[in-house]
Amino acid sequence: MEQTETGSHSKVHGLVVIYTGNGKGKTSAALGSVMRTVGHGLKCKMIQFIKGSGKAGELKLVDRLGPQFDIEQEGLGFTFTNKHSMVEHKIAAQAALAKAQEAIASGDYHTVILDEIFYARKKDLVSSKEVINLIDIKPKQMHLVMTGRGAPDDIIERADLVTEMREIKHPKKLGVRAQKGIDF
């Protein structure tokens, strides 16, 4: 049997990881995977399906983590803001899907993160079939991390690890706005 870096005797198996649920922390958990990937000298790519404001702190990581981390914001923001039509959101989500297919098929990355893909799925900007196709084309050794509320059961069944974030208490209920460094 092959030996992994940790000395165990199991074969390397790229995981399909899902962070879902109504609680905060899905993207933050995915960014933890970035730190671990880059920490081991491996390459990671994050494609954001919804976020597109350019304000997220993770965008500033690219300059600091060098060529081992790449992030692309393909989204136009959350659909409830009404700044863009649903047609425009769908075009952006399909562009993100094409970037995801390219990144996964390239085999250039140890870890690929598809941030807010389940929000895009919930809003019918991408289909479950398209998301499952991404899982199917994933190279055996690659980790694929997907985030967003409402991960569908048919995709959850295909995952190796699923974590549901559950909100217990949130400062927004006290009128506290999103905070730089914690929320974005």
N, C-alpha and C. Protein backbone atom coordinates (compact mmCIF):
# COMPACT_ATOMS: atom_id res chain seq x y z
N MET A 1 0.82 -1.19 0.00
CA MET A 1 0.00 0.00 0.00
C MET A 1 0.86 1.25 0.00
N GLU A 2 0.32 2.31 -0.60
CA GLU A 2 1.02 3.59 -0.59
C GLU A 2 1.02 4.17 0.81
N GLN A 3 2.07 4.89 1.10
CA GLN A 3 2.13 5.56 2.38
C GLN A 3 1.92 7.06 2.17
N THR A 4 1.07 7.67 2.97
CA THR A 4 0.85 9.11 2.86
C THR A 4 1.88 9.83 3.71
N GLU A 5 1.88 11.16 3.62
CA GLU A 5 2.83 11.97 4.38
C GLU A 5 2.68 11.77 5.88
N THR A 6 1.50 11.40 6.36
CA THR A 6 1.29 11.25 7.78
C THR A 6 1.77 9.89 8.28
N GLY A 7 2.16 9.03 7.36
CA GLY A 7 2.67 7.72 7.74
C GLY A 7 1.60 6.65 7.80
N SER A 8 0.34 6.98 7.54
CA SER A 8 -0.69 5.95 7.53
C SER A 8 -0.54 5.12 6.26
N HIS A 9 -1.21 4.01 6.21
CA HIS A 9 -1.07 3.10 5.07
C HIS A 9 -2.26 3.14 4.13
N SER A 10 -3.01 4.21 4.14
CA SER A 10 -4.13 4.30 3.21
C SER A 10 -3.70 5.07 1.97
N LYS A 11 -4.38 4.79 0.87
CA LYS A 11 -4.07 5.50 -0.38
C LYS A 11 -4.62 6.91 -0.33
N VAL A 12 -3.97 7.80 -1.06
CA VAL A 12 -4.43 9.18 -1.13
C VAL A 12 -5.76 9.19 -1.87
N HIS A 13 -6.71 9.90 -1.31
CA HIS A 13 -8.05 9.99 -1.89
C HIS A 13 -8.51 11.43 -1.79
N GLY A 14 -8.63 12.10 -2.92
CA GLY A 14 -9.16 13.46 -2.92
C GLY A 14 -10.60 13.45 -2.47
N LEU A 15 -10.93 14.33 -1.56
CA LEU A 15 -12.26 14.36 -0.97
C LEU A 15 -13.18 15.37 -1.66
N VAL A 16 -14.46 15.08 -1.61
CA VAL A 16 -15.50 16.04 -1.96
C VAL A 16 -16.06 16.50 -0.62
N VAL A 17 -15.88 17.79 -0.33
CA VAL A 17 -16.24 18.37 0.96
C VAL A 17 -17.33 19.42 0.75
N ILE A 18 -18.35 19.37 1.60
CA ILE A 18 -19.44 20.33 1.55
C ILE A 18 -19.56 21.03 2.90
N TYR A 19 -19.62 22.37 2.85
CA TYR A 19 -19.96 23.19 4.01
C TYR A 19 -21.28 23.86 3.68
N THR A 20 -22.33 23.54 4.41
CA THR A 20 -23.66 24.04 4.12
C THR A 20 -24.35 24.45 5.42
N GLY A 21 -25.58 24.88 5.33
CA GLY A 21 -26.37 25.24 6.51
C GLY A 21 -26.61 26.74 6.59
N ASN A 22 -27.46 27.13 7.54
CA ASN A 22 -27.85 28.52 7.70
C ASN A 22 -26.91 29.32 8.58
N GLY A 23 -25.97 28.66 9.22
CA GLY A 23 -25.04 29.37 10.08
C GLY A 23 -23.88 29.97 9.31
N LYS A 24 -23.19 30.89 9.97
CA LYS A 24 -22.03 31.55 9.40
C LYS A 24 -20.82 30.62 9.46
N GLY A 25 -19.89 30.80 8.53
CA GLY A 25 -18.63 30.08 8.62
C GLY A 25 -18.32 29.15 7.46
N LYS A 26 -19.17 29.07 6.47
CA LYS A 26 -18.94 28.14 5.36
C LYS A 26 -17.73 28.56 4.52
N THR A 27 -17.70 29.80 4.11
CA THR A 27 -16.55 30.29 3.34
C THR A 27 -15.30 30.30 4.21
N SER A 28 -15.45 30.68 5.47
CA SER A 28 -14.30 30.70 6.38
C SER A 28 -13.70 29.30 6.54
N ALA A 29 -14.54 28.29 6.64
CA ALA A 29 -14.04 26.92 6.72
C ALA A 29 -13.30 26.53 5.45
N ALA A 30 -13.86 26.92 4.31
CA ALA A 30 -13.19 26.63 3.03
C ALA A 30 -11.84 27.34 2.96
N LEU A 31 -11.76 28.56 3.47
CA LEU A 31 -10.49 29.29 3.49
C LEU A 31 -9.46 28.61 4.39
N GLY A 32 -9.92 27.89 5.39
CA GLY A 32 -9.00 27.08 6.19
C GLY A 32 -8.32 26.02 5.34
N SER A 33 -9.06 25.47 4.36
CA SER A 33 -8.46 24.51 3.42
C SER A 33 -7.38 25.16 2.58
N VAL A 34 -7.60 26.44 2.23
CA VAL A 34 -6.58 27.18 1.49
C VAL A 34 -5.29 27.25 2.30
N MET A 35 -5.42 27.60 3.58
CA MET A 35 -4.23 27.73 4.43
C MET A 35 -3.47 26.41 4.52
N ARG A 36 -4.19 25.33 4.68
CA ARG A 36 -3.53 24.03 4.78
C ARG A 36 -2.90 23.62 3.46
N THR A 37 -3.59 23.84 2.37
CA THR A 37 -3.06 23.49 1.06
C THR A 37 -1.78 24.26 0.78
N VAL A 38 -1.85 25.57 0.90
CA VAL A 38 -0.70 26.43 0.63
C VAL A 38 0.41 26.16 1.64
N GLY A 39 0.04 25.89 2.88
CA GLY A 39 1.02 25.56 3.91
C GLY A 39 1.88 24.36 3.56
N HIS A 40 1.33 23.45 2.79
CA HIS A 40 2.07 22.27 2.33
C HIS A 40 2.74 22.49 0.98
N GLY A 41 2.71 23.74 0.51
CA GLY A 41 3.38 24.04 -0.76
C GLY A 41 2.60 23.60 -1.98
N LEU A 42 1.30 23.39 -1.82
CA LEU A 42 0.45 22.92 -2.91
C LEU A 42 -0.43 24.06 -3.41
N LYS A 43 -0.99 23.89 -4.61
CA LYS A 43 -1.79 24.95 -5.23
C LYS A 43 -3.28 24.79 -4.95
N CYS A 44 -3.92 25.94 -4.80
CA CYS A 44 -5.35 25.98 -4.50
C CYS A 44 -6.01 27.07 -5.33
N LYS A 45 -7.23 26.79 -5.78
CA LYS A 45 -8.01 27.80 -6.52
C LYS A 45 -9.40 27.89 -5.91
N MET A 46 -9.86 29.13 -5.72
CA MET A 46 -11.21 29.37 -5.25
C MET A 46 -11.97 30.15 -6.33
N ILE A 47 -13.16 29.66 -6.64
CA ILE A 47 -14.03 30.35 -7.58
C ILE A 47 -15.29 30.72 -6.80
N GLN A 48 -15.59 32.02 -6.78
CA GLN A 48 -16.75 32.50 -6.04
C GLN A 48 -17.91 32.71 -7.01
N PHE A 49 -18.98 31.95 -6.78
CA PHE A 49 -20.12 31.95 -7.69
C PHE A 49 -21.06 33.14 -7.48
N ILE A 50 -21.06 33.74 -6.33
CA ILE A 50 -22.00 34.82 -6.04
C ILE A 50 -21.28 36.11 -5.69
N LYS A 51 -20.29 36.02 -4.84
CA LYS A 51 -19.60 37.22 -4.38
C LYS A 51 -18.91 37.92 -5.54
N GLY A 52 -19.06 39.23 -5.58
CA GLY A 52 -18.47 39.96 -6.68
C GLY A 52 -18.19 41.41 -6.37
N SER A 53 -18.25 41.79 -5.12
CA SER A 53 -18.06 43.20 -4.77
C SER A 53 -16.60 43.62 -4.75
N GLY A 54 -15.70 42.65 -4.65
CA GLY A 54 -14.28 42.97 -4.54
C GLY A 54 -13.86 43.40 -3.16
N LYS A 55 -14.77 43.35 -2.18
CA LYS A 55 -14.46 43.81 -0.83
C LYS A 55 -13.98 42.70 0.11
N ALA A 56 -14.15 41.46 -0.28
CA ALA A 56 -13.83 40.34 0.62
C ALA A 56 -12.34 40.29 0.94
N GLY A 57 -12.03 40.09 2.20
CA GLY A 57 -10.64 40.04 2.66
C GLY A 57 -9.84 38.93 1.99
N GLU A 58 -10.51 37.85 1.61
CA GLU A 58 -9.77 36.74 1.00
C GLU A 58 -9.13 37.13 -0.33
N LEU A 59 -9.67 38.15 -0.98
CA LEU A 59 -9.07 38.60 -2.24
C LEU A 59 -7.65 39.12 -2.03
N LYS A 60 -7.40 39.65 -0.85
CA LYS A 60 -6.08 40.20 -0.54
C LYS A 60 -5.06 39.11 -0.23
N LEU A 61 -5.53 37.89 -0.03
CA LEU A 61 -4.63 36.77 0.22
C LEU A 61 -3.79 36.42 -1.00
N VAL A 62 -4.35 36.66 -2.18
CA VAL A 62 -3.66 36.29 -3.41
C VAL A 62 -2.27 36.91 -3.46
N ASP A 63 -2.17 38.19 -3.14
CA ASP A 63 -0.88 38.87 -3.15
C ASP A 63 0.07 38.31 -2.10
N ARG A 64 -0.48 37.87 -0.98
CA ARG A 64 0.35 37.40 0.12
C ARG A 64 0.75 35.94 0.00
N LEU A 65 -0.10 35.16 -0.65
CA LEU A 65 0.18 33.72 -0.75
C LEU A 65 0.84 33.34 -2.06
N GLY A 66 1.01 34.32 -2.92
CA GLY A 66 1.77 34.08 -4.14
C GLY A 66 1.09 33.16 -5.12
N PRO A 67 1.88 32.50 -5.92
CA PRO A 67 1.33 31.71 -7.03
C PRO A 67 0.63 30.42 -6.59
N GLN A 68 0.64 30.14 -5.30
CA GLN A 68 0.00 28.90 -4.85
C GLN A 68 -1.50 29.05 -4.60
N PHE A 69 -2.00 30.29 -4.58
CA PHE A 69 -3.43 30.53 -4.35
C PHE A 69 -3.96 31.50 -5.38
N ASP A 70 -5.05 31.11 -6.00
CA ASP A 70 -5.71 31.93 -7.00
C ASP A 70 -7.19 31.99 -6.65
N ILE A 71 -7.79 33.16 -6.77
CA ILE A 71 -9.21 33.32 -6.49
C ILE A 71 -9.84 34.14 -7.60
N GLU A 72 -11.03 33.74 -8.00
CA GLU A 72 -11.75 34.48 -9.03
C GLU A 72 -13.17 34.73 -8.55
N GLN A 73 -13.56 35.99 -8.52
CA GLN A 73 -14.94 36.35 -8.22
C GLN A 73 -15.68 36.47 -9.54
N GLU A 74 -16.57 35.56 -9.77
CA GLU A 74 -17.34 35.54 -11.00
C GLU A 74 -18.75 36.06 -10.80
N GLY A 75 -19.20 36.12 -9.54
CA GLY A 75 -20.57 36.50 -9.26
C GLY A 75 -20.81 37.99 -9.33
N LEU A 76 -22.09 38.33 -9.27
CA LEU A 76 -22.52 39.73 -9.31
C LEU A 76 -23.10 40.17 -7.97
N GLY A 77 -22.92 39.36 -6.95
CA GLY A 77 -23.52 39.65 -5.64
C GLY A 77 -24.77 38.82 -5.45
N PHE A 78 -25.31 38.89 -4.24
CA PHE A 78 -26.50 38.10 -3.94
C PHE A 78 -27.70 38.63 -4.74
N THR A 79 -28.57 37.72 -5.14
CA THR A 79 -29.66 38.07 -6.04
C THR A 79 -30.70 38.97 -5.40
N PHE A 80 -30.80 38.97 -4.08
CA PHE A 80 -31.83 39.77 -3.41
C PHE A 80 -31.54 41.27 -3.43
N THR A 81 -30.35 41.67 -3.88
CA THR A 81 -30.03 43.10 -3.92
C THR A 81 -30.70 43.81 -5.10
N ASN A 82 -31.14 43.05 -6.09
CA ASN A 82 -31.83 43.61 -7.28
C ASN A 82 -30.96 44.57 -8.08
N LYS A 83 -29.66 44.49 -7.94
CA LYS A 83 -28.77 45.33 -8.74
C LYS A 83 -28.62 44.79 -10.16
N HIS A 84 -28.88 43.48 -10.30
CA HIS A 84 -28.73 42.82 -11.60
C HIS A 84 -29.94 41.92 -11.83
N SER A 85 -30.26 41.69 -13.09
CA SER A 85 -31.36 40.79 -13.43
C SER A 85 -30.94 39.34 -13.20
N MET A 86 -31.93 38.47 -13.09
CA MET A 86 -31.63 37.05 -12.93
C MET A 86 -30.91 36.50 -14.16
N VAL A 87 -31.17 37.06 -15.33
CA VAL A 87 -30.46 36.64 -16.54
C VAL A 87 -28.98 36.97 -16.40
N GLU A 88 -28.67 38.16 -15.89
CA GLU A 88 -27.27 38.55 -15.69
C GLU A 88 -26.60 37.65 -14.64
N HIS A 89 -27.33 37.33 -13.58
CA HIS A 89 -26.79 36.43 -12.56
C HIS A 89 -26.51 35.04 -13.16
N LYS A 90 -27.43 34.57 -14.00
CA LYS A 90 -27.25 33.24 -14.61
C LYS A 90 -26.03 33.24 -15.54
N ILE A 91 -25.84 34.27 -16.31
CA ILE A 91 -24.67 34.37 -17.19
C ILE A 91 -23.39 34.33 -16.36
N ALA A 92 -23.37 35.07 -15.26
CA ALA A 92 -22.19 35.09 -14.38
C ALA A 92 -21.94 33.72 -13.76
N ALA A 93 -23.01 33.07 -13.30
CA ALA A 93 -22.87 31.74 -12.69
C ALA A 93 -22.39 30.71 -13.71
N GLN A 94 -22.85 30.81 -14.93
CA GLN A 94 -22.40 29.88 -15.98
C GLN A 94 -20.93 30.13 -16.32
N ALA A 95 -20.50 31.38 -16.26
CA ALA A 95 -19.07 31.69 -16.46
C ALA A 95 -18.25 31.08 -15.32
N ALA A 96 -18.76 31.17 -14.09
CA ALA A 96 -18.08 30.55 -12.95
C ALA A 96 -18.01 29.04 -13.12
N LEU A 97 -19.10 28.46 -13.60
CA LEU A 97 -19.13 27.01 -13.84
C LEU A 97 -18.06 26.61 -14.87
N ALA A 98 -17.94 27.38 -15.94
CA ALA A 98 -16.91 27.09 -16.96
C ALA A 98 -15.51 27.20 -16.36
N LYS A 99 -15.28 28.20 -15.51
CA LYS A 99 -13.97 28.35 -14.84
C LYS A 99 -13.72 27.16 -13.91
N ALA A 100 -14.76 26.71 -13.23
CA ALA A 100 -14.64 25.56 -12.33
C ALA A 100 -14.28 24.30 -13.13
N GLN A 101 -14.97 24.08 -14.23
CA GLN A 101 -14.67 22.91 -15.07
C GLN A 101 -13.22 22.95 -15.55
N GLU A 102 -12.78 24.11 -15.97
CA GLU A 102 -11.41 24.28 -16.46
C GLU A 102 -10.39 24.01 -15.35
N ALA A 103 -10.63 24.58 -14.17
CA ALA A 103 -9.69 24.40 -13.05
C ALA A 103 -9.63 22.94 -12.61
N ILE A 104 -10.78 22.29 -12.52
CA ILE A 104 -10.83 20.90 -12.07
C ILE A 104 -10.18 19.99 -13.11
N ALA A 105 -10.56 20.16 -14.36
CA ALA A 105 -10.03 19.30 -15.42
C ALA A 105 -8.53 19.49 -15.64
N SER A 106 -8.01 20.67 -15.31
CA SER A 106 -6.59 20.95 -15.56
C SER A 106 -5.66 20.05 -14.73
N GLY A 107 -6.12 19.66 -13.56
CA GLY A 107 -5.26 18.88 -12.68
C GLY A 107 -4.13 19.69 -12.06
N ASP A 108 -4.17 21.02 -12.25
CA ASP A 108 -3.11 21.90 -11.74
C ASP A 108 -3.22 22.19 -10.25
N TYR A 109 -4.37 21.86 -9.66
CA TYR A 109 -4.62 22.26 -8.28
C TYR A 109 -4.80 21.05 -7.38
N HIS A 110 -4.29 21.17 -6.17
CA HIS A 110 -4.50 20.16 -5.14
C HIS A 110 -5.92 20.29 -4.57
N THR A 111 -6.37 21.54 -4.44
CA THR A 111 -7.68 21.82 -3.89
C THR A 111 -8.38 22.88 -4.74
N VAL A 112 -9.64 22.63 -5.09
CA VAL A 112 -10.47 23.61 -5.78
C VAL A 112 -11.68 23.86 -4.89
N ILE A 113 -11.96 25.15 -4.66
CA ILE A 113 -13.09 25.55 -3.81
C ILE A 113 -14.11 26.28 -4.67
N LEU A 114 -15.36 25.85 -4.57
CA LEU A 114 -16.46 26.47 -5.29
C LEU A 114 -17.37 27.14 -4.26
N ASP A 115 -17.08 28.41 -4.01
CA ASP A 115 -17.75 29.15 -2.95
C ASP A 115 -19.13 29.62 -3.39
N GLU A 116 -20.13 29.35 -2.55
CA GLU A 116 -21.53 29.73 -2.78
C GLU A 116 -22.14 29.05 -4.01
N ILE A 117 -21.61 27.89 -4.38
CA ILE A 117 -22.20 27.17 -5.52
C ILE A 117 -23.61 26.70 -5.20
N PHE A 118 -23.89 26.44 -3.92
CA PHE A 118 -25.24 25.96 -3.58
C PHE A 118 -26.26 27.09 -3.56
N TYR A 119 -25.83 28.31 -3.31
CA TYR A 119 -26.73 29.46 -3.47
C TYR A 119 -27.08 29.59 -4.96
N ALA A 120 -26.06 29.46 -5.81
CA ALA A 120 -26.30 29.51 -7.25
C ALA A 120 -27.24 28.38 -7.68
N ARG A 121 -27.09 27.21 -7.07
CA ARG A 121 -27.97 26.08 -7.38
C ARG A 121 -29.40 26.38 -6.93
N LYS A 122 -29.54 26.89 -5.71
CA LYS A 122 -30.87 27.18 -5.15
C LYS A 122 -31.62 28.19 -6.01
N LYS A 123 -30.91 29.12 -6.60
CA LYS A 123 -31.53 30.16 -7.44
C LYS A 123 -31.62 29.73 -8.90
N ASP A 124 -31.34 28.45 -9.20
CA ASP A 124 -31.40 27.89 -10.56
C ASP A 124 -30.46 28.58 -11.54
N LEU A 125 -29.33 29.05 -11.02
CA LEU A 125 -28.31 29.65 -11.88
C LEU A 125 -27.40 28.57 -12.45
N VAL A 126 -27.30 27.46 -11.73
CA VAL A 126 -26.64 26.23 -12.19
C VAL A 126 -27.54 25.07 -11.78
N SER A 127 -27.40 23.95 -12.44
CA SER A 127 -28.25 22.78 -12.14
C SER A 127 -27.48 21.78 -11.27
N SER A 128 -28.23 20.91 -10.61
CA SER A 128 -27.60 19.82 -9.85
C SER A 128 -26.76 18.95 -10.78
N LYS A 129 -27.27 18.71 -11.98
CA LYS A 129 -26.54 17.89 -12.95
C LYS A 129 -25.17 18.51 -13.26
N GLU A 130 -25.13 19.84 -13.40
CA GLU A 130 -23.86 20.52 -13.67
C GLU A 130 -22.90 20.41 -12.49
N VAL A 131 -23.42 20.50 -11.28
CA VAL A 131 -22.58 20.36 -10.09
C VAL A 131 -22.05 18.93 -9.97
N ILE A 132 -22.92 17.96 -10.20
CA ILE A 132 -22.50 16.56 -10.15
C ILE A 132 -21.45 16.28 -11.22
N ASN A 133 -21.57 16.89 -12.37
CA ASN A 133 -20.55 16.73 -13.42
C ASN A 133 -19.18 17.19 -12.92
N LEU A 134 -19.14 18.26 -12.14
CA LEU A 134 -17.87 18.74 -11.59
C LEU A 134 -17.25 17.69 -10.66
N ILE A 135 -18.10 17.04 -9.89
CA ILE A 135 -17.61 15.96 -9.01
C ILE A 135 -17.08 14.81 -9.86
N ASP A 136 -17.80 14.49 -10.93
CA ASP A 136 -17.41 13.35 -11.78
C ASP A 136 -16.10 13.58 -12.52
N ILE A 137 -15.77 14.84 -12.87
CA ILE A 137 -14.54 15.09 -13.62
C ILE A 137 -13.34 15.35 -12.71
N LYS A 138 -13.58 15.40 -11.40
CA LYS A 138 -12.52 15.67 -10.44
C LYS A 138 -11.45 14.58 -10.50
N PRO A 139 -10.18 14.97 -10.66
CA PRO A 139 -9.12 13.97 -10.60
C PRO A 139 -9.11 13.27 -9.24
N LYS A 140 -8.71 12.03 -9.23
CA LYS A 140 -8.76 11.18 -8.03
C LYS A 140 -8.08 11.81 -6.82
N GLN A 141 -6.98 12.52 -7.02
CA GLN A 141 -6.20 13.04 -5.91
C GLN A 141 -6.61 14.45 -5.48
N MET A 142 -7.48 15.11 -6.24
CA MET A 142 -7.87 16.50 -5.96
C MET A 142 -8.96 16.55 -4.89
N HIS A 143 -8.87 17.56 -4.03
CA HIS A 143 -9.94 17.86 -3.08
C HIS A 143 -10.84 18.91 -3.71
N LEU A 144 -12.14 18.69 -3.63
CA LEU A 144 -13.13 19.62 -4.15
C LEU A 144 -13.99 20.06 -2.98
N VAL A 145 -13.96 21.36 -2.67
CA VAL A 145 -14.70 21.92 -1.55
C VAL A 145 -15.80 22.81 -2.11
N MET A 146 -17.03 22.59 -1.64
CA MET A 146 -18.17 23.38 -2.12
C MET A 146 -18.91 23.97 -0.92
N THR A 147 -19.35 25.23 -1.07
CA THR A 147 -20.03 25.90 0.03
C THR A 147 -21.37 26.46 -0.41
N GLY A 148 -22.19 26.79 0.59
CA GLY A 148 -23.45 27.47 0.36
C GLY A 148 -24.59 26.83 1.11
N ARG A 149 -25.57 27.63 1.42
CA ARG A 149 -26.77 27.14 2.09
C ARG A 149 -27.53 26.20 1.16
N GLY A 150 -28.19 25.22 1.76
CA GLY A 150 -29.13 24.39 1.01
C GLY A 150 -28.50 23.41 0.03
N ALA A 151 -27.41 22.77 0.41
CA ALA A 151 -26.83 21.74 -0.48
C ALA A 151 -27.89 20.67 -0.75
N PRO A 152 -28.15 20.37 -2.02
CA PRO A 152 -29.18 19.37 -2.34
C PRO A 152 -28.76 17.95 -1.95
N ASP A 153 -29.76 17.15 -1.61
CA ASP A 153 -29.51 15.77 -1.17
C ASP A 153 -28.74 14.95 -2.20
N ASP A 154 -29.04 15.13 -3.50
CA ASP A 154 -28.37 14.33 -4.53
C ASP A 154 -26.87 14.64 -4.59
N ILE A 155 -26.49 15.85 -4.21
CA ILE A 155 -25.07 16.21 -4.19
C ILE A 155 -24.45 15.79 -2.86
N ILE A 156 -25.19 15.93 -1.78
CA ILE A 156 -24.70 15.48 -0.46
C ILE A 156 -24.35 13.99 -0.52
N GLU A 157 -25.16 13.20 -1.22
CA GLU A 157 -24.91 11.76 -1.34
C GLU A 157 -23.56 11.47 -1.99
N ARG A 158 -23.09 12.34 -2.87
CA ARG A 158 -21.83 12.14 -3.60
C ARG A 158 -20.61 12.61 -2.81
N ALA A 159 -20.83 13.34 -1.72
CA ALA A 159 -19.73 13.93 -0.95
C ALA A 159 -19.11 12.91 0.02
N ASP A 160 -17.88 13.18 0.39
CA ASP A 160 -17.18 12.38 1.39
C ASP A 160 -17.33 12.97 2.78
N LEU A 161 -17.46 14.30 2.85
CA LEU A 161 -17.54 15.00 4.12
C LEU A 161 -18.55 16.13 3.97
N VAL A 162 -19.53 16.16 4.85
CA VAL A 162 -20.54 17.22 4.84
C VAL A 162 -20.64 17.79 6.25
N THR A 163 -20.47 19.11 6.34
CA THR A 163 -20.63 19.79 7.62
C THR A 163 -21.73 20.83 7.46
N GLU A 164 -22.68 20.81 8.40
CA GLU A 164 -23.75 21.78 8.39
C GLU A 164 -23.50 22.82 9.48
N MET A 165 -23.38 24.09 9.06
CA MET A 165 -23.25 25.18 10.01
C MET A 165 -24.66 25.56 10.47
N ARG A 166 -24.86 25.60 11.77
CA ARG A 166 -26.18 25.91 12.32
C ARG A 166 -26.07 27.18 13.17
N GLU A 167 -26.88 28.16 12.84
CA GLU A 167 -26.86 29.40 13.60
C GLU A 167 -27.52 29.19 14.95
N ILE A 168 -26.82 29.57 15.99
CA ILE A 168 -27.37 29.55 17.34
C ILE A 168 -27.59 30.98 17.82
N LYS A 169 -26.63 31.84 17.51
CA LYS A 169 -26.70 33.25 17.90
C LYS A 169 -25.93 34.05 16.86
N HIS A 170 -26.45 35.22 16.48
CA HIS A 170 -25.78 36.03 15.47
C HIS A 170 -25.93 37.51 15.83
N PRO A 171 -24.85 38.29 15.70
CA PRO A 171 -24.91 39.71 16.07
C PRO A 171 -25.87 40.54 15.21
N LYS A 172 -26.22 40.08 14.03
CA LYS A 172 -27.15 40.85 13.18
C LYS A 172 -28.50 41.02 13.87
N LYS A 173 -28.86 40.07 14.74
CA LYS A 173 -30.13 40.17 15.47
C LYS A 173 -30.11 41.28 16.51
N LEU A 174 -28.91 41.75 16.83
CA LEU A 174 -28.74 42.88 17.74
C LEU A 174 -28.50 44.18 16.97
N GLY A 175 -28.58 44.11 15.65
CA GLY A 175 -28.36 45.28 14.81
C GLY A 175 -26.91 45.54 14.47
N VAL A 176 -26.03 44.59 14.75
CA VAL A 176 -24.60 44.75 14.44
C VAL A 176 -24.38 44.38 12.98
N ARG A 177 -23.78 45.29 12.23
CA ARG A 177 -23.53 45.06 10.81
C ARG A 177 -22.34 44.13 10.60
N ALA A 178 -22.20 43.62 9.38
CA ALA A 178 -21.08 42.74 9.02
C ALA A 178 -19.76 43.46 9.31
N GLN A 179 -18.81 42.71 9.86
CA GLN A 179 -17.54 43.26 10.30
C GLN A 179 -16.39 42.82 9.41
N LYS A 180 -15.57 43.81 9.02
CA LYS A 180 -14.36 43.52 8.23
C LYS A 180 -13.47 42.56 9.02
N GLY A 181 -12.94 41.56 8.35
CA GLY A 181 -12.04 40.61 8.98
C GLY A 181 -12.75 39.42 9.59
N ILE A 182 -14.04 39.52 9.80
CA ILE A 182 -14.83 38.40 10.32
C ILE A 182 -15.87 37.97 9.30
N ASP A 183 -16.62 38.92 8.77
CA ASP A 183 -17.71 38.61 7.85
C ASP A 183 -17.33 38.78 6.38
N PHE A 184 -16.32 39.60 6.12
CA PHE A 184 -15.88 39.79 4.73
C PHE A 184 -14.42 40.19 4.72
